[in-house]
Each structure stands twice: as C-alpha cells, then as structure tokens.
C-alpha cells in the first residue's frame, strides 16, 4: 500500500491540471528527482527517525499514513541544523465525515470532508513554491489529494535559499501506530528538483500526449483516406488492374499453360490475403480508438 502512494499523488496532480479544481491552489509541489532515489519504510510504528546525511543524501518527500482519530507530531531538520515542527491529525466528526488538520510552524489548516475510507489519511511533506510567486519556496505539508475538487488542506513553511537548505532528517511520533515512507535523493538532484514545478511537468506530459495523439490521428486519417480511395471508391478498377498485371506477369514467366494458371491463381490468393490483412489492421485501429476515447 505504501509503495503506491506516489502514484496517487501523481494522479491527483494530473486530475487538477486536466479538470481545474474548484479551489485555487496556493502552492505547487516541486518536481521530484526521477532516479537514484532510496525509499525507507516504517510500518506500524509509534515513533520513527531517519537521518539522510548518514547516507550522504537529502530527504525529498515524506508520506504519512495517519490512522483515523490519531495524531502524528514531527520535526524536520534542514539546512545546517535548523528545525521546524508540526503535526498531522484527523478525527471522525459524524457518520461518514472526517476533519483532517495539518500544521507546520504554527501555520494550521483544517478540512472537513465526506470520507469514503475512514481508516486512515495519507499526507505528504515535501518541497513546494507559491503559485503566484514561484521565487518563494519552502516546505509544504498537505493532503495527498491537495488541489483536487475543494481540497485545500495544505500548510506552507517558507525556507529562503531552499536548494541550499534541504531536509536531511525527520523525527515523528504518533498517538497510534502509523506508517511512514521517506524518499531520499542525492543532494544535487534534490536541489535541482526544487526548481521545477510538478504541475508544470505534468502539464508538459499532457501536452506531449495530446500532440502525439494529434499526430497519430493524422496518420490514421490519411491511412483511412487511401483505403477508401483504393478499395471502396475504385475497387473495381484496382481489381481489374491487378488482374491484368498479374496475368501479364504469369504469361511472361511461365513455360506452359499449367505453370501459367498456377502462378496466376497464386497471385490472386496473395492479393486476397493482402486485402484481408488490411481489413484486420483497420478493425484493430478502430478498436484501439474506441478503447481510448470510450466510444
């Protein structure tokens, strides 16, 4: 379950970029390094501590799985010994409803919502920048679904010169056993990642996908045009032309009438199989587009 949390966060970002949520996102998570990451896990623990400096790395992301009706207190160490503390808490407020709270350095935000899973919440601590002023960067503690629909559960702690003041240690304690995942990266990659917006990166992939889709659609449209032109609009002409050419070829390369008929009918069989293969390709293309666009 813990290993899939990054996929949930990426999905939330893509949904925001595509649909446009009802709430305006104040903060945009910065892009994570793509490679050379190390994942460390704590499962069903009441306390957890990890110092990435001992591995010559920096912390890029922390996932907290917070059980219902519990609280996790944490302290993050960054830069050259600076610290910032906060907490994550959730509790049931009625049948099917949960109130979740995130806080860092006194900046606190709560969110009440209809909860389809009243067993735990997943919250994230990582790097972000202000949406309206990308020069202001810092540490963001938020719901993993921050920005989707009306979810504005996020608290921000600004850190000047963030690339030189990365998180290197986390200490956490919970009122109930909790799960935690910590993602470490080489310092250079972690610092570079703070300069890129995850939303901009997701939008770039979306634009690329639409561009590829348009190119593929153009190729398919062209293929369909020629198939129609050759085998629907001018089918009789194509058949007559092929029969003429194949008959002439068989006559010129055959020693007697028996070889002639053998080669002629073999050519017709090959032509028929070619037509069937084109039809199979056309059916496959149509099926793929129906699956992609749900038509």
Protein backbone atom coordinates (compact mmCIF):
# COMPACT_ATOMS: atom_id res chain seq x y z
CA UNK A 1 0.00 0.00 0.00
CA UNK A 2 2.80 2.42 0.88
CA UNK A 3 4.62 1.85 -2.42
CA UNK A 4 1.59 3.07 -4.42
CA UNK A 5 1.22 6.41 -2.67
CA UNK A 6 3.42 8.26 -5.17
CA UNK A 7 1.09 7.11 -7.95
CA UNK A 8 -1.91 8.53 -6.06
CA UNK A 9 -0.15 11.89 -5.68
CA UNK A 10 0.78 12.00 -9.37
CA UNK A 11 -2.81 11.14 -10.31
CA UNK A 12 -4.10 13.97 -8.13
CA UNK A 13 -1.76 16.43 -9.85
CA UNK A 14 -2.84 15.29 -13.31
CA UNK A 15 -6.54 15.47 -12.40
CA UNK A 16 -6.02 19.05 -11.22
CA UNK A 17 -4.25 20.01 -14.42
CA UNK A 18 -6.94 18.45 -16.62
CA UNK A 19 -10.13 19.36 -14.84
CA UNK A 20 -9.32 22.55 -12.99
CA UNK A 21 -10.34 22.20 -9.34
CA UNK A 22 -12.88 24.33 -7.59
CA UNK A 23 -10.26 25.63 -5.15
CA UNK A 24 -7.31 27.75 -6.32
CA UNK A 25 -4.07 26.08 -5.33
CA UNK A 26 -1.86 28.44 -3.36
CA UNK A 27 1.16 26.15 -3.66
CA UNK A 28 2.67 23.95 -6.32
CA UNK A 29 4.78 20.94 -5.39
CA UNK A 30 8.22 20.90 -6.97
CA UNK A 31 9.25 18.03 -9.23
CA UNK A 32 10.89 15.01 -7.64
CA UNK A 33 14.11 13.51 -9.00
CA UNK A 34 13.38 10.67 -11.39
CA UNK A 35 16.26 8.36 -10.48
CA UNK A 36 18.73 7.40 -7.78
CA UNK A 37 16.10 7.62 -5.03
CA UNK A 38 16.08 5.46 -1.92
CA UNK A 39 12.83 4.54 -0.17
CA UNK A 40 12.79 3.78 3.54
CA UNK A 41 9.74 2.50 5.38
CA UNK A 42 8.40 2.37 8.89
CA UNK A 43 5.31 0.24 9.38
CA UNK A 44 3.06 0.15 12.46
CA UNK A 45 5.48 2.30 14.46
CA UNK A 46 4.80 4.70 17.31
CA UNK A 47 8.00 6.63 16.62
CA UNK A 48 10.35 6.95 13.68
CA UNK A 49 13.62 8.75 12.98
CA UNK A 50 15.75 8.93 9.87
CA UNK A 51 18.90 10.96 9.12
CA UNK A 52 19.65 11.04 5.38
CA UNK A 53 23.03 12.66 5.97
CA UNK A 54 24.33 9.30 7.16
CA UNK A 55 23.66 8.03 3.60
CA UNK A 56 25.08 11.21 2.02
CA UNK A 57 21.60 12.08 0.72
CA UNK A 58 18.76 14.54 1.36
CA UNK A 59 15.08 13.91 2.03
CA UNK A 60 12.82 14.88 -0.88
CA UNK A 61 9.45 13.55 0.25
CA UNK A 62 7.75 12.02 3.29
CA UNK A 63 4.46 10.10 3.22
CA UNK A 64 2.50 9.78 6.46
CA UNK A 65 -0.34 7.25 6.74
CA UNK A 66 -2.33 8.67 9.62
CA UNK A 67 -4.86 6.34 11.30
CA UNK A 68 -8.32 7.76 11.98
CA UNK A 69 -8.67 9.52 15.36
CA UNK A 70 -4.92 9.93 15.81
CA UNK A 71 -2.16 12.50 15.56
CA UNK A 72 1.42 12.42 14.31
CA UNK A 73 3.88 15.02 15.61
CA UNK A 74 7.01 15.59 13.55
CA UNK A 75 10.20 17.61 13.49
CA UNK A 76 12.10 18.30 10.29
CA UNK A 77 15.79 19.16 10.27
CA UNK A 78 17.04 21.20 7.32
CA UNK A 79 19.98 23.32 6.21
CA UNK A 80 22.73 23.45 8.81
CA UNK A 81 20.82 22.33 11.88
CA UNK A 82 17.64 24.38 11.59
CA UNK A 83 14.41 22.70 12.68
CA UNK A 84 10.70 23.14 12.16
CA UNK A 85 7.94 21.19 13.88
CA UNK A 86 4.33 20.43 13.13
CA UNK A 87 1.59 17.83 13.34
CA UNK A 88 -0.96 15.94 11.27
CA UNK A 89 -4.28 14.90 12.79
CA UNK A 90 -7.66 13.55 11.76
CA UNK A 91 -10.82 12.52 13.59
CA UNK A 92 -14.34 11.47 12.71
CA UNK A 93 -16.91 14.24 13.03
CA UNK A 94 -20.01 12.26 12.15
CA UNK A 95 -21.27 9.38 10.12
CA UNK A 96 -19.04 9.29 7.05
CA UNK A 97 -17.33 12.61 7.78
CA UNK A 98 -13.74 13.34 8.81
CA UNK A 99 -11.93 16.52 9.79
CA UNK A 100 -8.22 16.49 8.94
CA UNK A 101 -5.65 19.05 10.08
CA UNK A 102 -2.08 19.77 9.02
CA UNK A 103 0.21 22.21 10.77
CA UNK A 104 3.82 23.37 10.43
CA UNK A 105 5.44 26.12 12.49
CA UNK A 106 2.03 27.25 13.70
CA UNK A 107 0.52 27.56 10.21
CA UNK A 108 -2.54 25.32 10.54
CA UNK A 109 -5.20 24.26 8.06
CA UNK A 110 -8.24 22.01 8.56
CA UNK A 111 -10.53 20.36 6.05
CA UNK A 112 -13.87 18.64 6.69
CA UNK A 113 -14.99 16.17 4.06
CA UNK A 114 -17.09 13.10 3.32
CA UNK A 115 -14.68 10.23 3.85
CA UNK A 116 -15.09 7.02 1.84
CA UNK A 117 -12.20 5.47 3.77
CA UNK A 118 -12.47 6.17 7.48
CA UNK A 119 -9.44 4.06 8.37
CA UNK A 120 -6.55 6.38 7.57
CA UNK A 121 -5.49 9.52 5.68
CA UNK A 122 -2.37 9.91 3.57
CA UNK A 123 -0.49 13.18 3.99
CA UNK A 124 2.72 14.41 2.42
CA UNK A 125 5.65 16.60 3.46
CA UNK A 126 7.92 17.88 0.71
CA UNK A 127 9.05 20.94 -1.20
CA UNK A 128 6.82 23.49 -2.92
CA UNK A 129 6.60 27.02 -4.20
CA UNK A 130 3.89 29.64 -4.07
CA UNK A 131 1.74 29.59 -7.18
CA UNK A 132 1.58 33.37 -7.56
CA UNK A 133 5.27 33.93 -6.76
CA UNK A 134 7.47 30.99 -7.65
CA UNK A 135 10.50 32.66 -6.06
CA UNK A 136 9.00 31.89 -2.65
CA UNK A 137 9.85 28.27 -1.92
CA UNK A 138 9.68 26.13 1.17
CA UNK A 139 8.30 23.03 2.85
CA UNK A 140 4.69 22.01 2.25
CA UNK A 141 2.66 19.66 4.47
CA UNK A 142 -0.54 18.66 2.73
CA UNK A 143 -3.12 16.03 1.94
CA UNK A 144 -2.08 13.76 -0.91
CA UNK A 145 -5.27 14.93 -2.66
CA UNK A 146 -4.49 18.63 -2.20
CA UNK A 147 -5.93 20.69 -5.06
CA UNK A 148 -8.48 18.12 -6.20
CA UNK A 149 -12.05 19.45 -6.09
CA UNK A 150 -12.26 21.66 -2.97
CA UNK A 151 -9.41 20.06 -1.02
CA UNK A 152 -7.22 22.93 0.21
CA UNK A 153 -5.57 21.04 3.08
CA UNK A 154 -2.03 22.42 2.97
CA UNK A 155 0.28 24.40 5.26
CA UNK A 156 3.41 26.09 3.96
CA UNK A 157 6.68 26.98 5.66
CA UNK A 158 8.91 29.32 3.59
CA UNK A 159 12.61 28.49 3.51
CA UNK A 160 14.99 31.05 1.94
CA UNK A 161 17.53 29.55 -0.49
CA UNK A 162 15.69 26.25 -0.35
CA UNK A 163 18.13 24.42 -2.66
CA UNK A 164 20.87 25.00 -0.07
CA UNK A 165 18.62 24.22 2.90
CA UNK A 166 17.13 20.82 2.16
CA UNK A 167 15.57 18.47 4.69
CA UNK A 168 18.04 15.89 5.95
CA UNK A 169 16.29 14.38 8.98
CA UNK A 170 12.79 13.60 10.23
CA UNK A 171 11.61 12.58 13.69
CA UNK A 172 7.97 11.53 14.11
CA UNK A 173 5.80 10.16 16.91
CA UNK A 174 2.16 9.07 16.81
CA UNK A 175 -0.67 8.51 19.25
CA UNK A 176 -1.45 5.30 17.31
CA UNK A 177 0.82 3.02 15.26
CA UNK A 178 1.33 4.63 11.84
CA UNK A 179 3.14 4.00 8.55
CA UNK A 180 5.73 6.30 7.06
CA UNK A 181 7.74 6.32 3.83
CA UNK A 182 10.79 8.56 3.36
CA UNK A 183 12.27 9.23 -0.08
CA UNK A 184 15.98 10.15 -0.21
CA UNK A 185 17.88 11.54 -3.20
CA UNK A 186 21.46 12.65 -3.89
CA UNK A 187 21.88 16.27 -2.74
CA UNK A 188 22.48 17.62 -6.24
CA UNK A 189 19.36 16.01 -7.68
CA UNK A 190 17.23 17.04 -4.71
CA UNK A 191 18.42 20.64 -5.02
CA UNK A 192 17.78 20.72 -8.78
CA UNK A 193 14.30 19.31 -8.26
CA UNK A 194 13.27 22.33 -6.21
CA UNK A 195 13.48 24.45 -9.37
CA UNK A 196 10.80 22.55 -11.27
CA UNK A 197 7.07 22.55 -10.70
CA UNK A 198 5.43 19.12 -10.64
CA UNK A 199 2.27 20.66 -12.11
CA UNK A 200 4.20 22.20 -14.98
CA UNK A 201 5.89 18.86 -15.59
CA UNK A 202 2.54 17.04 -15.52
CA UNK A 203 1.09 19.63 -17.92
CA UNK A 204 4.08 19.12 -20.19
CA UNK A 205 3.42 15.39 -20.33
CA UNK A 206 -0.26 16.05 -21.01
CA UNK A 207 0.60 18.44 -23.85
CA UNK A 208 3.03 15.87 -25.26
CA UNK A 209 0.36 13.16 -25.10
CA UNK A 210 -2.16 15.37 -26.92
CA UNK A 211 0.48 16.27 -29.51
CA UNK A 212 1.26 12.61 -30.11
CA UNK A 213 -2.46 11.88 -30.29
CA UNK A 214 -2.92 14.54 -32.96
CA UNK A 215 -0.01 13.16 -34.98
CA UNK A 216 -1.31 9.59 -34.71
CA UNK A 217 -4.80 10.78 -35.65
CA UNK A 218 -3.36 12.44 -38.76
CA UNK A 219 -1.60 9.24 -39.81
CA UNK A 220 -4.71 7.14 -39.21
CA UNK A 221 -6.91 9.64 -41.09
CA UNK A 222 -4.52 9.52 -44.05
CA UNK A 223 -4.49 5.73 -43.99
CA UNK A 224 -8.28 5.60 -43.92
CA UNK A 225 -8.45 8.04 -46.85
CA UNK A 226 -6.23 5.87 -49.05
CA UNK A 227 -8.02 2.70 -48.01
CA UNK A 228 -11.32 4.28 -49.02
CA UNK A 229 -9.89 5.70 -52.25
CA UNK A 230 -8.30 2.43 -53.35
CA UNK A 231 -10.64 -0.25 -52.06
CA UNK A 232 -14.05 1.42 -51.94
CA UNK A 233 -14.22 4.27 -54.45
CA UNK A 234 -12.07 2.50 -57.07
CA UNK A 235 -12.33 -1.14 -56.04
CA UNK A 236 -13.34 -2.49 -59.48
CA UNK A 237 -10.58 -0.51 -61.19
CA UNK A 238 -7.96 -1.81 -58.72
CA UNK A 239 -9.13 -5.40 -59.16
CA UNK A 240 -9.09 -5.10 -62.97
CA UNK A 241 -5.63 -3.51 -62.89
CA UNK A 242 -4.23 -6.18 -60.60
CA UNK A 243 -5.75 -9.00 -62.69
CA UNK A 244 -4.23 -7.52 -65.82
CA UNK A 245 -0.76 -7.07 -64.29
CA UNK A 246 -0.72 -10.48 -62.58
CA UNK A 247 -1.92 -12.20 -65.78
CA UNK A 248 0.79 -10.48 -67.83
CA UNK A 249 3.45 -11.42 -65.28
CA UNK A 250 2.30 -15.08 -65.20
CA UNK A 251 2.26 -15.25 -69.03
CA UNK A 252 5.75 -13.80 -69.38
CA UNK A 253 7.34 -16.07 -66.76
CA UNK A 254 5.57 -19.38 -67.49
CA UNK A 255 6.85 -22.14 -69.78
CA UNK A 256 3.44 -23.70 -70.37
CA UNK A 257 -0.24 -23.16 -69.66
CA UNK A 258 -0.18 -25.24 -66.45
CA UNK A 259 2.56 -23.12 -64.87
CA UNK A 260 0.69 -20.01 -66.09
CA UNK A 261 -2.53 -20.92 -64.25
CA UNK A 262 -0.61 -21.96 -61.12
CA UNK A 263 1.21 -18.63 -60.89
CA UNK A 264 -1.88 -16.62 -61.82
CA UNK A 265 -4.10 -18.17 -59.14
CA UNK A 266 -1.28 -17.95 -56.58
CA UNK A 267 -1.11 -14.21 -57.27
CA UNK A 268 -4.87 -13.89 -56.73
CA UNK A 269 -4.58 -15.76 -53.44
CA UNK A 270 -1.81 -13.39 -52.29
CA UNK A 271 -3.93 -10.37 -53.27
CA UNK A 272 -6.91 -11.73 -51.35
CA UNK A 273 -4.77 -12.31 -48.23
CA UNK A 274 -3.40 -8.78 -48.55
CA UNK A 275 -6.93 -7.35 -48.60
CA UNK A 276 -7.82 -9.41 -45.50
CA UNK A 277 -4.72 -8.20 -43.64
CA UNK A 278 -5.59 -4.56 -44.43
CA UNK A 279 -9.10 -5.13 -43.15
CA UNK A 280 -7.66 -6.65 -39.95
CA UNK A 281 -5.41 -3.59 -39.44
CA UNK A 282 -8.38 -1.27 -39.96
CA UNK A 283 -10.51 -3.17 -37.43
CA UNK A 284 -7.64 -3.11 -34.90
CA UNK A 285 -7.15 0.66 -35.30
CA UNK A 286 -10.86 1.34 -34.85
CA UNK A 287 -10.95 -0.90 -31.75
CA UNK A 288 -7.97 0.89 -30.19
CA UNK A 289 -9.53 4.32 -30.73
CA UNK A 290 -12.82 3.12 -29.27
CA UNK A 291 -10.97 1.92 -26.17
CA UNK A 292 -9.00 5.17 -25.81
CA UNK A 293 -11.91 7.57 -26.31
CA UNK A 294 -14.63 5.32 -24.82
CA UNK A 295 -16.80 5.40 -27.99
